[in-house]
Amino acid sequence: MEINKNTIVGDLVADNYKAATIFSNYKIDFCCNGNRSLETVCSDNELDLESLIINLKETFKTENNSDDYQKWDIGFLADYVYNNHHIYVENKIPEIKQYLNKICSVHGAEHPELFEINNLFIGASDALTLHMKKEELILFPYFKKLAVAFKNNNDMDLPGFGTVKNPIAIMHQDHDTEGDRFREISKLTNNYTPPTDACNSYKTTFALLKEFEADLHKHIHIENNILFKKAIEIETQLLK
């Protein structure tokens, strides 16, 4: 893939997810705001464009993307998101809530920011649970119908929601909200760095939150930059 100042961040990560590590190191949002060019993100974040491009090119030379999501049909990709990200979120939410409640009880007096972190995570968990159910009950079944129709060259009737662009726009808004929420959590935790007086539960909580955010970034990236784009392209072709 050609890499220059006009290359779109999300397209780079979609082509090779190893680019995500570089963008994370530069504090560049590649999931919710992955539709910006390298030149734009460098200007916005006061970064050296030439240095970033060199790092990306070196990574693309030495690393291969083992999960080539671009080659998967959208039905399979929807199942992948559910099995690898939705189930992860469902399993981790109660575990993280339990740890947060514990450290708020023990350390909240000395670290009142823990209560705000807890409230932010509760908001995220409630919103993500509803968001994922919408995808599982409405979007993903429709994606599978699109995949079958595209494979068999069948016609598709316009869905009840008009076009897939409508629910996808709502999903994008949800993703932006959770991206903002976890940026605040990251800020409040000093990028998930436990304080010097942190006990093992405190350290575990921050490690779990950091892992959760990393998974969320990949989850949102796959949907925003690959799955949703492919669904829109296929629907556009079928409904001509």
C-alpha atoms as a PDB file:
ATOM      1  CA  MET A   1       0.000   0.000   0.000  1.00  0.00           C
ATOM      2  CA  GLU A   2       1.311   3.462  -0.902  1.00  0.00           C
ATOM      3  CA  ILE A   3       1.970   5.639   2.128  1.00  0.00           C
ATOM      4  CA  ASN A   4       2.090   9.416   1.721  1.00  0.00           C
ATOM      5  CA  LYS A   5       0.703  12.556   3.349  1.00  0.00           C
ATOM      6  CA  ASN A   6      -2.739  11.940   1.816  1.00  0.00           C
ATOM      7  CA  THR A   7      -3.064   8.333   2.997  1.00  0.00           C
ATOM      8  CA  ILE A   8      -6.041   7.807   5.311  1.00  0.00           C
ATOM      9  CA  VAL A   9      -5.250   6.552   8.814  1.00  0.00           C
ATOM     10  CA  GLY A  10      -8.118   4.033   8.913  1.00  0.00           C
ATOM     11  CA  ASP A  11      -7.149   2.593   5.531  1.00  0.00           C
ATOM     12  CA  LEU A  12      -3.607   1.954   6.757  1.00  0.00           C
ATOM     13  CA  VAL A  13      -4.808   0.064   9.813  1.00  0.00           C
ATOM     14  CA  ALA A  14      -7.332  -1.824   7.711  1.00  0.00           C
ATOM     15  CA  ASP A  15      -4.514  -2.912   5.391  1.00  0.00           C
ATOM     16  CA  ASN A  16      -2.198  -3.901   8.243  1.00  0.00           C
ATOM     17  CA  TYR A  17      -3.279  -3.764  11.881  1.00  0.00           C
ATOM     18  CA  LYS A  18       0.353  -3.437  12.988  1.00  0.00           C
ATOM     19  CA  ALA A  19       0.017   0.238  12.026  1.00  0.00           C
ATOM     20  CA  ALA A  20      -2.290   0.591  15.027  1.00  0.00           C
ATOM     21  CA  THR A  21       0.659   0.203  17.379  1.00  0.00           C
ATOM     22  CA  ILE A  22       2.460   3.111  15.741  1.00  0.00           C
ATOM     23  CA  PHE A  23      -0.635   5.319  15.817  1.00  0.00           C
ATOM     24  CA  SER A  24      -1.175   4.449  19.489  1.00  0.00           C
ATOM     25  CA  ASN A  25       2.426   5.422  20.257  1.00  0.00           C
ATOM     26  CA  TYR A  26       1.836   8.779  18.566  1.00  0.00           C
ATOM     27  CA  LYS A  27      -1.523   9.200  20.417  1.00  0.00           C
ATOM     28  CA  ILE A  28      -3.380   9.191  17.090  1.00  0.00           C
ATOM     29  CA  ASP A  29      -7.000   7.999  17.149  1.00  0.00           C
ATOM     30  CA  PHE A  30      -7.206   5.390  14.376  1.00  0.00           C
ATOM     31  CA  CYS A  31     -10.641   3.953  15.185  1.00  0.00           C
ATOM     32  CA  CYS A  32     -13.281   6.637  15.835  1.00  0.00           C
ATOM     33  CA  ASN A  33     -11.429   9.301  13.830  1.00  0.00           C
ATOM     34  CA  GLY A  34      -9.716   7.055  11.318  1.00  0.00           C
ATOM     35  CA  ASN A  35     -11.038   8.977   8.308  1.00  0.00           C
ATOM     36  CA  ARG A  36      -8.292  11.644   8.470  1.00  0.00           C
ATOM     37  CA  SER A  37      -5.155  11.859   6.336  1.00  0.00           C
ATOM     38  CA  LEU A  38      -1.655  11.491   7.782  1.00  0.00           C
ATOM     39  CA  GLU A  39      -1.039  15.143   7.001  1.00  0.00           C
ATOM     40  CA  THR A  40      -4.153  16.189   8.942  1.00  0.00           C
ATOM     41  CA  VAL A  41      -3.418  14.117  12.048  1.00  0.00           C
ATOM     42  CA  CYS A  42       0.171  15.347  12.140  1.00  0.00           C
ATOM     43  CA  SER A  43      -0.997  18.940  11.836  1.00  0.00           C
ATOM     44  CA  ASP A  44      -3.670  18.460  14.518  1.00  0.00           C
ATOM     45  CA  ASN A  45      -1.242  16.793  16.936  1.00  0.00           C
ATOM     46  CA  GLU A  46       1.885  18.795  16.058  1.00  0.00           C
ATOM     47  CA  LEU A  47       3.746  15.697  14.878  1.00  0.00           C
ATOM     48  CA  ASP A  48       6.568  15.199  12.384  1.00  0.00           C
ATOM     49  CA  LEU A  49       4.857  13.899   9.243  1.00  0.00           C
ATOM     50  CA  GLU A  50       8.065  12.610   7.625  1.00  0.00           C
ATOM     51  CA  SER A  51       9.034  10.644  10.749  1.00  0.00           C
ATOM     52  CA  LEU A  52       5.590   9.061  10.992  1.00  0.00           C
ATOM     53  CA  ILE A  53       5.621   8.015   7.329  1.00  0.00           C
ATOM     54  CA  ILE A  54       9.084   6.458   7.716  1.00  0.00           C
ATOM     55  CA  ASN A  55       7.951   4.456  10.748  1.00  0.00           C
ATOM     56  CA  LEU A  56       4.855   3.229   8.937  1.00  0.00           C
ATOM     57  CA  LYS A  57       6.804   2.192   5.845  1.00  0.00           C
ATOM     58  CA  GLU A  58       9.301   0.261   7.961  1.00  0.00           C
ATOM     59  CA  THR A  59       6.486  -1.542   9.744  1.00  0.00           C
ATOM     60  CA  PHE A  60       4.794  -2.474   6.487  1.00  0.00           C
ATOM     61  CA  LYS A  61       8.095  -3.887   5.199  1.00  0.00           C
ATOM     62  CA  THR A  62       8.735  -6.144   8.177  1.00  0.00           C
ATOM     63  CA  GLU A  63       5.254  -7.096   9.394  1.00  0.00           C
ATOM     64  CA  ASN A  64       2.545  -9.147   7.750  1.00  0.00           C
ATOM     65  CA  ASN A  65      -1.071  -8.919   8.758  1.00  0.00           C
ATOM     66  CA  SER A  66      -2.142 -12.413   9.844  1.00  0.00           C
ATOM     67  CA  ASP A  67      -5.825 -11.413  10.013  1.00  0.00           C
ATOM     68  CA  ASP A  68      -6.645 -10.004   6.570  1.00  0.00           C
ATOM     69  CA  TYR A  69     -10.112  -8.729   7.387  1.00  0.00           C
ATOM     70  CA  GLN A  70     -10.448  -7.096   3.972  1.00  0.00           C
ATOM     71  CA  LYS A  71     -10.670 -10.499   2.301  1.00  0.00           C
ATOM     72  CA  TRP A  72     -13.441 -11.841   4.535  1.00  0.00           C
ATOM     73  CA  ASP A  73     -17.081 -11.542   3.505  1.00  0.00           C
ATOM     74  CA  ILE A  74     -19.160  -9.349   5.782  1.00  0.00           C
ATOM     75  CA  GLY A  75     -21.171 -12.248   7.215  1.00  0.00           C
ATOM     76  CA  PHE A  76     -18.020 -13.982   8.426  1.00  0.00           C
ATOM     77  CA  LEU A  77     -16.568 -10.680   9.616  1.00  0.00           C
ATOM     78  CA  ALA A  78     -19.731  -9.936  11.623  1.00  0.00           C
ATOM     79  CA  ASP A  79     -19.402 -13.344  13.304  1.00  0.00           C
ATOM     80  CA  TYR A  80     -15.743 -12.592  14.026  1.00  0.00           C
ATOM     81  CA  VAL A  81     -16.633  -9.308  15.722  1.00  0.00           C
ATOM     82  CA  TYR A  82     -19.275 -11.031  17.823  1.00  0.00           C
ATOM     83  CA  ASN A  83     -17.101 -13.995  18.842  1.00  0.00           C
ATOM     84  CA  ASN A  84     -13.922 -12.015  19.488  1.00  0.00           C
ATOM     85  CA  HIS A  85     -15.143  -8.641  20.730  1.00  0.00           C
ATOM     86  CA  HIS A  86     -18.779  -8.730  21.828  1.00  0.00           C
ATOM     87  CA  ILE A  87     -18.276 -11.807  23.990  1.00  0.00           C
ATOM     88  CA  TYR A  88     -15.051 -10.318  25.386  1.00  0.00           C
ATOM     89  CA  VAL A  89     -16.892  -7.131  26.410  1.00  0.00           C
ATOM     90  CA  GLU A  90     -19.748  -9.110  27.990  1.00  0.00           C
ATOM     91  CA  ASN A  91     -17.311 -11.216  30.011  1.00  0.00           C
ATOM     92  CA  LYS A  92     -15.057  -8.373  31.135  1.00  0.00           C
ATOM     93  CA  ILE A  93     -17.685  -5.860  32.231  1.00  0.00           C
ATOM     94  CA  PRO A  94     -18.733  -7.651  35.456  1.00  0.00           C
ATOM     95  CA  GLU A  95     -15.109  -8.459  36.331  1.00  0.00           C
ATOM     96  CA  ILE A  96     -13.961  -4.850  35.941  1.00  0.00           C
ATOM     97  CA  LYS A  97     -17.008  -3.519  37.812  1.00  0.00           C
ATOM     98  CA  GLN A  98     -16.200  -5.792  40.742  1.00  0.00           C
ATOM     99  CA  TYR A  99     -12.598  -4.583  40.891  1.00  0.00           C
ATOM    100  CA  LEU A 100     -13.606  -0.925  40.569  1.00  0.00           C
ATOM    101  CA  ASN A 101     -16.112  -1.221  43.394  1.00  0.00           C
ATOM    102  CA  LYS A 102     -13.440  -2.826  45.565  1.00  0.00           C
ATOM    103  CA  ILE A 103     -10.741  -0.208  45.022  1.00  0.00           C
ATOM    104  CA  CYS A 104     -13.255   2.639  45.349  1.00  0.00           C
ATOM    105  CA  SER A 105     -14.204   1.252  48.754  1.00  0.00           C
ATOM    106  CA  VAL A 106     -10.602   0.791  49.900  1.00  0.00           C
ATOM    107  CA  HIS A 107      -8.757   3.660  48.184  1.00  0.00           C
ATOM    108  CA  GLY A 108     -11.502   6.155  47.305  1.00  0.00           C
ATOM    109  CA  ALA A 109     -10.754   8.502  50.192  1.00  0.00           C
ATOM    110  CA  GLU A 110      -7.139   8.962  49.074  1.00  0.00           C
ATOM    111  CA  HIS A 111      -7.943   8.779  45.346  1.00  0.00           C
ATOM    112  CA  PRO A 112     -11.371  10.353  44.726  1.00  0.00           C
ATOM    113  CA  GLU A 113     -10.803  10.153  40.945  1.00  0.00           C
ATOM    114  CA  LEU A 114     -11.617   6.450  41.261  1.00  0.00           C
ATOM    115  CA  PHE A 115     -15.296   7.293  41.748  1.00  0.00           C
ATOM    116  CA  GLU A 116     -15.341   9.259  38.490  1.00  0.00           C
ATOM    117  CA  ILE A 117     -13.549   6.415  36.702  1.00  0.00           C
ATOM    118  CA  ASN A 118     -16.129   4.002  38.094  1.00  0.00           C
ATOM    119  CA  ASN A 119     -19.038   6.183  36.921  1.00  0.00           C
ATOM    120  CA  LEU A 120     -17.505   6.517  33.458  1.00  0.00           C
ATOM    121  CA  PHE A 121     -17.051   2.763  33.158  1.00  0.00           C
ATOM    122  CA  ILE A 122     -20.616   2.090  34.312  1.00  0.00           C
ATOM    123  CA  GLY A 123     -21.838   4.480  31.613  1.00  0.00           C
ATOM    124  CA  ALA A 124     -19.652   2.769  29.026  1.00  0.00           C
ATOM    125  CA  SER A 125     -20.755  -0.714  30.024  1.00  0.00           C
ATOM    126  CA  ASP A 126     -24.457   0.172  29.855  1.00  0.00           C
ATOM    127  CA  ALA A 127     -24.077   1.928  26.490  1.00  0.00           C
ATOM    128  CA  LEU A 128     -21.917  -0.809  24.971  1.00  0.00           C
ATOM    129  CA  THR A 129     -24.312  -3.540  26.068  1.00  0.00           C
ATOM    130  CA  LEU A 130     -27.230  -1.799  24.332  1.00  0.00           C
ATOM    131  CA  HIS A 131     -25.082  -0.933  21.308  1.00  0.00           C
ATOM    132  CA  MET A 132     -23.954  -4.524  20.792  1.00  0.00           C
ATOM    133  CA  LYS A 133     -27.501  -5.867  21.066  1.00  0.00           C
ATOM    134  CA  LYS A 134     -28.596  -3.493  18.299  1.00  0.00           C
ATOM    135  CA  GLU A 135     -25.820  -4.865  16.122  1.00  0.00           C
ATOM    136  CA  GLU A 136     -26.575  -8.483  16.963  1.00  0.00           C
ATOM    137  CA  LEU A 137     -30.339  -8.190  16.428  1.00  0.00           C
ATOM    138  CA  ILE A 138     -30.501  -5.760  13.493  1.00  0.00           C
ATOM    139  CA  LEU A 139     -27.248  -4.984  11.704  1.00  0.00           C
ATOM    140  CA  PHE A 140     -25.368  -8.279  11.730  1.00  0.00           C
ATOM    141  CA  PRO A 141     -28.328 -10.373  10.429  1.00  0.00           C
ATOM    142  CA  TYR A 142     -28.738  -7.848   7.631  1.00  0.00           C
ATOM    143  CA  PHE A 143     -25.022  -8.043   6.835  1.00  0.00           C
ATOM    144  CA  LYS A 144     -25.363 -11.810   6.458  1.00  0.00           C
ATOM    145  CA  LYS A 145     -28.286 -11.356   4.061  1.00  0.00           C
ATOM    146  CA  LEU A 146     -26.185  -8.907   2.060  1.00  0.00           C
ATOM    147  CA  ALA A 147     -23.300 -11.371   1.937  1.00  0.00           C
ATOM    148  CA  VAL A 148     -25.519 -14.188   0.622  1.00  0.00           C
ATOM    149  CA  ALA A 149     -27.226 -11.935  -1.930  1.00  0.00           C
ATOM    150  CA  PHE A 150     -23.884 -10.602  -3.152  1.00  0.00           C
ATOM    151  CA  LYS A 151     -22.415 -14.092  -3.465  1.00  0.00           C
ATOM    152  CA  ASN A 152     -25.433 -15.410  -5.402  1.00  0.00           C
ATOM    153  CA  ASN A 153     -26.039 -12.194  -7.350  1.00  0.00           C
ATOM    154  CA  ASN A 154     -29.584 -11.931  -5.958  1.00  0.00           C
ATOM    155  CA  ASP A 155     -31.724  -8.826  -5.634  1.00  0.00           C
ATOM    156  CA  MET A 156     -32.261  -7.251  -2.221  1.00  0.00           C
ATOM    157  CA  ASP A 157     -35.362  -5.481  -0.919  1.00  0.00           C
ATOM    158  CA  LEU A 158     -34.861  -2.168   0.842  1.00  0.00           C
ATOM    159  CA  PRO A 159     -34.800  -2.873   4.603  1.00  0.00           C
ATOM    160  CA  GLY A 160     -37.183  -1.332   7.106  1.00  0.00           C
ATOM    161  CA  PHE A 161     -34.521   1.156   8.198  1.00  0.00           C
ATOM    162  CA  GLY A 162     -34.266   2.494   4.628  1.00  0.00           C
ATOM    163  CA  THR A 163     -30.611   1.856   3.959  1.00  0.00           C
ATOM    164  CA  VAL A 164     -27.788   0.414   6.015  1.00  0.00           C
ATOM    165  CA  LYS A 165     -26.250   3.887   6.128  1.00  0.00           C
ATOM    166  CA  ASN A 166     -28.896   4.953   8.680  1.00  0.00           C
ATOM    167  CA  PRO A 167     -28.147   2.473  11.504  1.00  0.00           C
ATOM    168  CA  ILE A 168     -24.431   2.654  10.696  1.00  0.00           C
ATOM    169  CA  ALA A 169     -24.523   6.418  11.282  1.00  0.00           C
ATOM    170  CA  ILE A 170     -25.951   5.749  14.758  1.00  0.00           C
ATOM    171  CA  MET A 171     -23.270   3.122  15.420  1.00  0.00           C
ATOM    172  CA  HIS A 172     -20.605   5.667  14.462  1.00  0.00           C
ATOM    173  CA  GLN A 173     -22.041   8.138  16.961  1.00  0.00           C
ATOM    174  CA  ASP A 174     -21.988   5.477  19.671  1.00  0.00           C
ATOM    175  CA  HIS A 175     -18.369   4.661  18.842  1.00  0.00           C
ATOM    176  CA  ASP A 176     -17.399   8.332  19.082  1.00  0.00           C
ATOM    177  CA  THR A 177     -19.066   8.593  22.484  1.00  0.00           C
ATOM    178  CA  GLU A 178     -17.210   5.574  23.874  1.00  0.00           C
ATOM    179  CA  GLY A 179     -13.944   6.758  22.371  1.00  0.00           C
ATOM    180  CA  ASP A 180     -14.352  10.061  24.215  1.00  0.00           C
ATOM    181  CA  ARG A 181     -15.336   8.291  27.410  1.00  0.00           C
ATOM    182  CA  PHE A 182     -12.258   6.079  27.437  1.00  0.00           C
ATOM    183  CA  ARG A 183      -9.994   8.985  26.621  1.00  0.00           C
ATOM    184  CA  GLU A 184     -11.261  10.535  29.847  1.00  0.00           C
ATOM    185  CA  ILE A 185     -10.691   7.278  31.750  1.00  0.00           C
ATOM    186  CA  SER A 186      -7.160   7.114  30.354  1.00  0.00           C
ATOM    187  CA  LYS A 187      -6.544  10.695  31.456  1.00  0.00           C
ATOM    188  CA  LEU A 188      -7.884  10.097  34.969  1.00  0.00           C
ATOM    189  CA  THR A 189      -5.737   6.967  35.381  1.00  0.00           C
ATOM    190  CA  ASN A 190      -2.598   8.702  34.058  1.00  0.00           C
ATOM    191  CA  ASN A 191      -2.648   6.345  31.070  1.00  0.00           C
ATOM    192  CA  TYR A 192      -3.418   3.388  33.368  1.00  0.00           C
ATOM    193  CA  THR A 193      -0.417   3.992  35.615  1.00  0.00           C
ATOM    194  CA  PRO A 194      -1.147   2.882  39.198  1.00  0.00           C
ATOM    195  CA  PRO A 195      -0.047   5.261  41.985  1.00  0.00           C
ATOM    196  CA  THR A 196       2.829   4.328  44.270  1.00  0.00           C
ATOM    197  CA  ASP A 197       0.471   3.218  47.053  1.00  0.00           C
ATOM    198  CA  ALA A 198      -1.528   0.895  44.756  1.00  0.00           C
ATOM    199  CA  CYS A 199      -2.286  -2.610  46.001  1.00  0.00           C
ATOM    200  CA  ASN A 200      -2.481  -5.638  43.710  1.00  0.00           C
ATOM    201  CA  SER A 201      -6.222  -5.143  43.157  1.00  0.00           C
ATOM    202  CA  TYR A 202      -5.585  -1.526  42.152  1.00  0.00           C
ATOM    203  CA  LYS A 203      -2.896  -2.600  39.669  1.00  0.00           C
ATOM    204  CA  THR A 204      -5.097  -5.370  38.285  1.00  0.00           C
ATOM    205  CA  THR A 205      -7.992  -2.951  37.782  1.00  0.00           C
ATOM    206  CA  PHE A 206      -5.878  -0.544  35.771  1.00  0.00           C
ATOM    207  CA  ALA A 207      -4.404  -3.390  33.704  1.00  0.00           C
ATOM    208  CA  LEU A 208      -7.913  -4.668  32.924  1.00  0.00           C
ATOM    209  CA  LEU A 209      -9.099  -1.189  31.936  1.00  0.00           C
ATOM    210  CA  LYS A 210      -6.090  -0.745  29.656  1.00  0.00           C
ATOM    211  CA  GLU A 211      -6.727  -4.110  28.009  1.00  0.00           C
ATOM    212  CA  PHE A 212     -10.429  -3.279  27.647  1.00  0.00           C
ATOM    213  CA  GLU A 213      -9.660   0.008  25.912  1.00  0.00           C
ATOM    214  CA  ALA A 214      -7.181  -1.669  23.529  1.00  0.00           C
ATOM    215  CA  ASP A 215      -9.783  -4.268  22.601  1.00  0.00           C
ATOM    216  CA  LEU A 216     -12.385  -1.536  22.115  1.00  0.00           C
ATOM    217  CA  HIS A 217     -10.067   0.331  19.748  1.00  0.00           C
ATOM    218  CA  LYS A 218      -9.621  -2.777  17.594  1.00  0.00           C
ATOM    219  CA  HIS A 219     -13.345  -3.557  17.808  1.00  0.00           C
ATOM    220  CA  ILE A 220     -14.315  -0.062  16.627  1.00  0.00           C
ATOM    221  CA  HIS A 221     -11.620  -0.030  13.947  1.00  0.00           C
ATOM    222  CA  ILE A 222     -12.840  -3.280  12.369  1.00  0.00           C
ATOM    223  CA  GLU A 223     -16.415  -2.028  12.317  1.00  0.00           C
ATOM    224  CA  ASN A 224     -15.838   1.600  11.245  1.00  0.00           C
ATOM    225  CA  ASN A 225     -13.031   1.122   8.756  1.00  0.00           C
ATOM    226  CA  ILE A 226     -13.806  -2.312   7.288  1.00  0.00           C
ATOM    227  CA  LEU A 227     -17.145  -3.967   8.100  1.00  0.00           C
ATOM    228  CA  PHE A 228     -19.406  -0.923   7.785  1.00  0.00           C
ATOM    229  CA  LYS A 229     -17.665   0.345   4.644  1.00  0.00           C
ATOM    230  CA  LYS A 230     -17.962  -3.058   2.965  1.00  0.00           C
ATOM    231  CA  ALA A 231     -21.652  -3.307   3.912  1.00  0.00           C
ATOM    232  CA  ILE A 232     -22.405   0.100   2.400  1.00  0.00           C
ATOM    233  CA  GLU A 233     -20.512  -0.769  -0.796  1.00  0.00           C
ATOM    234  CA  ILE A 234     -22.297  -4.097  -1.221  1.00  0.00           C
ATOM    235  CA  GLU A 235     -25.747  -2.667  -0.489  1.00  0.00           C
ATOM    236  CA  THR A 236     -25.139   0.146  -2.982  1.00  0.00           C
ATOM    237  CA  GLN A 237     -24.309  -2.399  -5.691  1.00  0.00           C
ATOM    238  CA  LEU A 238     -27.288  -4.639  -4.911  1.00  0.00           C
ATOM    239  CA  LEU A 239     -29.870  -1.872  -4.708  1.00  0.00           C
ATOM    240  CA  LYS A 240     -28.922  -0.164  -7.990  1.00  0.00           C
END
